[in-house]
Amino acid sequence: MTRRRPPYQLVADVGSVVLIVFILVAYRFLPGGVPGWAFALAWIVAAAVLIGVLTELYLFYREYRAGVLFPMRNASLFILLLSVVGLPVYVAYSVATGQYLGPSTLLLIPVLLAFATRNLFRVHLDAVTLRAKTGFRSPVEVPLFQLGEVAVTDDRITITSSAARPIVLLRAFFFRRHWQALVQKLEEVAQ
């Protein structure tokens, strides 16, 4: 099943690539030779990337509060949490102490947030689909009516489907409350 990418993800992805290319050209190939209007345009692209990232973070939060998003407890979650908290604190500290970060560093902050947000390992289980991102490749999405067997043991859940590769969820990667809710929801769906 293929999904169309939401516009906020597309803007963040394309904008991130544009910013990286701009910084490479501006600082590697044309040091000091980039006109001011190009930097202004780069700041507009950075703002668009940041808006896309904030939109995605808000949607994650809304889905989490609704009980349909289960983030996996691994490095991707902690990198995202530290980035969301740490980068604004770092910028505020730099402004307060008078340190100059430079435009290249400031332009890359939305890019780093976009990459951290996109790589969050998570399970999304609503009334229609199960979408699991358990690795760095694309998430596996399965409509609930195409779910095959749901095998629940003490330490793992294995979900088979005719529409996608098997999904294996390990208990070690979920918080206790999330694991219990996920097991309960999947057992209800499997019946």
Protein backbone atom coordinates (compact mmCIF):
# COMPACT_ATOMS: atom_id res chain seq x y z
CA MET A 1 0.00 0.00 0.00
CA THR A 2 1.53 3.29 -1.02
CA ARG A 3 0.84 6.53 0.76
CA ARG A 4 1.23 10.01 -0.57
CA ARG A 5 3.69 12.07 1.40
CA PRO A 6 2.07 14.89 3.33
CA PRO A 7 3.11 18.37 2.12
CA TYR A 8 4.81 19.28 5.41
CA GLN A 9 7.14 16.26 5.04
CA LEU A 10 7.86 17.05 1.42
CA VAL A 11 8.67 20.68 2.24
CA ALA A 12 10.97 19.62 5.08
CA ASP A 13 12.79 17.00 2.98
CA VAL A 14 13.26 19.12 -0.15
CA GLY A 15 14.11 22.20 1.91
CA SER A 16 16.72 20.25 3.89
CA VAL A 17 18.45 19.10 0.72
CA VAL A 18 18.35 22.64 -0.69
CA LEU A 19 19.89 24.05 2.50
CA ILE A 20 22.67 21.48 2.57
CA VAL A 21 23.54 22.15 -1.07
CA PHE A 22 23.41 25.91 -0.44
CA ILE A 23 25.78 25.67 2.53
CA LEU A 24 28.20 23.47 0.57
CA VAL A 25 28.23 25.91 -2.34
CA ALA A 26 28.38 29.02 -0.16
CA TYR A 27 31.20 27.89 2.11
CA ARG A 28 33.16 25.42 0.03
CA PHE A 29 33.04 26.68 -3.54
CA LEU A 30 32.14 30.39 -3.22
CA PRO A 31 33.44 31.56 0.18
CA GLY A 32 32.53 35.22 0.57
CA GLY A 33 31.04 35.40 -2.91
CA VAL A 34 27.40 34.59 -2.19
CA PRO A 35 25.07 37.61 -2.47
CA GLY A 36 22.92 38.70 0.44
CA TRP A 37 19.66 37.88 -1.35
CA ALA A 38 20.77 34.21 -1.56
CA PHE A 39 21.18 34.08 2.21
CA ALA A 40 17.76 35.72 2.62
CA LEU A 41 16.27 33.03 0.41
CA ALA A 42 18.08 30.35 2.44
CA TRP A 43 16.55 31.76 5.64
CA ILE A 44 13.10 31.56 4.06
CA VAL A 45 13.73 27.92 3.11
CA ALA A 46 15.00 27.22 6.66
CA ALA A 47 11.81 28.76 8.10
CA ALA A 48 9.71 26.55 5.79
CA VAL A 49 11.64 23.47 6.91
CA LEU A 50 11.16 24.44 10.54
CA ILE A 51 7.42 24.92 10.02
CA GLY A 52 7.21 21.47 8.40
CA VAL A 53 9.11 19.90 11.31
CA LEU A 54 6.99 21.66 13.92
CA THR A 55 3.84 20.52 12.12
CA GLU A 56 5.04 16.92 12.19
CA LEU A 57 6.03 17.16 15.86
CA TYR A 58 2.60 18.58 16.70
CA LEU A 59 0.92 15.70 14.84
CA PHE A 60 3.11 13.20 16.70
CA TYR A 61 2.09 14.79 19.99
CA ARG A 62 -1.61 14.78 19.03
CA GLU A 63 -1.46 11.11 17.99
CA TYR A 64 0.43 10.22 21.17
CA ARG A 65 -2.19 11.94 23.32
CA ALA A 66 -4.94 10.10 21.40
CA GLY A 67 -3.26 6.77 22.21
CA VAL A 68 -2.51 5.71 18.63
CA LEU A 69 1.23 6.51 18.51
CA PHE A 70 3.73 4.35 20.37
CA PRO A 71 7.31 5.68 20.16
CA MET A 72 10.03 3.09 20.47
CA ARG A 73 12.46 3.54 23.34
CA ASN A 74 15.76 3.65 21.52
CA ALA A 75 18.35 6.15 20.34
CA SER A 76 15.98 7.70 17.79
CA LEU A 77 13.57 8.82 20.54
CA PHE A 78 16.28 10.23 22.77
CA ILE A 79 18.02 12.03 19.88
CA LEU A 80 14.70 13.62 18.93
CA LEU A 81 13.89 14.65 22.50
CA LEU A 82 17.37 16.06 23.10
CA SER A 83 17.26 17.90 19.76
CA VAL A 84 13.85 19.45 20.39
CA VAL A 85 14.95 20.65 23.82
CA GLY A 86 18.68 21.10 23.36
CA LEU A 87 18.91 23.03 20.11
CA PRO A 88 16.66 25.93 21.20
CA VAL A 89 18.44 26.03 24.58
CA TYR A 90 21.80 26.13 22.77
CA VAL A 91 20.67 28.98 20.53
CA ALA A 92 19.29 30.93 23.53
CA TYR A 93 22.54 30.35 25.45
CA SER A 94 24.58 31.55 22.47
CA VAL A 95 22.49 34.70 22.15
CA ALA A 96 22.67 35.38 25.89
CA THR A 97 26.45 34.96 26.05
CA GLY A 98 27.10 36.84 22.82
CA GLN A 99 28.64 33.91 20.98
CA TYR A 100 28.27 34.09 17.23
CA LEU A 101 27.11 30.78 15.79
CA GLY A 102 27.37 31.76 12.18
CA PRO A 103 24.72 31.44 9.50
CA SER A 104 25.74 27.94 8.42
CA THR A 105 25.16 26.54 11.92
CA LEU A 106 21.85 28.32 12.32
CA LEU A 107 20.68 27.23 8.86
CA LEU A 108 21.41 23.59 9.69
CA ILE A 109 19.33 23.50 12.90
CA PRO A 110 16.03 22.92 11.04
CA VAL A 111 17.76 20.27 8.91
CA LEU A 112 18.95 18.39 12.00
CA LEU A 113 15.46 18.56 13.51
CA ALA A 114 13.95 17.31 10.24
CA PHE A 115 16.28 14.30 10.12
CA ALA A 116 15.70 13.47 13.80
CA THR A 117 11.94 13.71 13.36
CA ARG A 118 11.87 11.59 10.22
CA ASN A 119 13.95 8.82 11.80
CA LEU A 120 11.86 8.36 14.94
CA PHE A 121 11.10 4.64 15.29
CA ARG A 122 7.43 4.29 16.09
CA VAL A 123 4.26 2.24 15.81
CA HIS A 124 1.03 3.93 14.75
CA LEU A 125 -2.12 1.87 15.34
CA ASP A 126 -5.46 3.52 14.70
CA ALA A 127 -8.87 2.19 13.65
CA VAL A 128 -7.79 1.71 10.03
CA THR A 129 -4.08 0.87 9.73
CA LEU A 130 -1.00 -0.38 11.49
CA ARG A 131 2.12 1.56 10.48
CA ALA A 132 5.43 0.49 11.99
CA LYS A 133 8.75 2.24 11.46
CA THR A 134 11.21 -0.11 13.12
CA GLY A 135 14.30 0.70 11.08
CA PHE A 136 15.84 3.30 8.84
CA ARG A 137 13.89 2.21 5.78
CA SER A 138 10.33 3.19 4.98
CA PRO A 139 7.60 2.28 7.46
CA VAL A 140 5.52 -0.84 6.91
CA GLU A 141 1.84 0.01 6.58
CA VAL A 142 -0.86 -2.63 6.75
CA PRO A 143 -4.62 -2.05 6.68
CA LEU A 144 -6.17 -3.77 9.69
CA PHE A 145 -8.44 -5.90 7.50
CA GLN A 146 -5.32 -7.42 5.89
CA LEU A 147 -3.67 -8.41 9.15
CA GLY A 148 -2.89 -12.08 9.34
CA GLU A 149 -1.70 -13.67 12.54
CA VAL A 150 -0.74 -11.64 15.61
CA ALA A 151 1.52 -13.77 17.80
CA VAL A 152 2.09 -12.27 21.25
CA THR A 153 4.72 -13.68 23.61
CA ASP A 154 6.28 -12.23 26.75
CA ASP A 155 9.07 -10.47 24.88
CA ARG A 156 7.78 -9.88 21.31
CA ILE A 157 4.83 -9.36 19.03
CA THR A 158 5.02 -10.81 15.54
CA ILE A 159 2.48 -9.54 13.02
CA THR A 160 2.09 -11.25 9.67
CA SER A 161 0.15 -9.92 6.74
CA SER A 162 -0.55 -10.81 3.17
CA ALA A 163 0.21 -7.21 2.14
CA ALA A 164 3.64 -6.58 3.69
CA ARG A 165 6.69 -8.12 5.29
CA PRO A 166 6.30 -9.45 8.85
CA ILE A 167 6.55 -6.90 11.64
CA VAL A 168 8.41 -7.90 14.79
CA LEU A 169 8.08 -5.65 17.83
CA LEU A 170 10.36 -6.35 20.80
CA ARG A 171 9.24 -5.52 24.32
CA ALA A 172 12.65 -4.07 25.20
CA PHE A 173 12.03 -1.13 22.87
CA PHE A 174 8.79 0.07 24.45
CA PHE A 175 7.90 1.66 27.74
CA ARG A 176 5.86 -0.65 29.98
CA ARG A 177 2.61 1.32 29.61
CA HIS A 178 3.00 1.55 25.83
CA TRP A 179 3.72 -2.16 25.55
CA GLN A 180 0.60 -3.10 27.53
CA ALA A 181 -1.61 -0.78 25.46
CA LEU A 182 -0.10 -2.06 22.21
CA VAL A 183 -0.62 -5.71 23.19
CA GLN A 184 -4.20 -4.99 24.22
CA LYS A 185 -5.03 -3.15 20.97
CA LEU A 186 -3.40 -5.80 18.76
CA GLU A 187 -5.19 -8.63 20.55
CA GLU A 188 -8.50 -6.82 20.03
CA VAL A 189 -7.74 -6.35 16.35
CA ALA A 190 -6.68 -9.98 15.88
CA GLN A 191 -10.02 -11.30 17.14
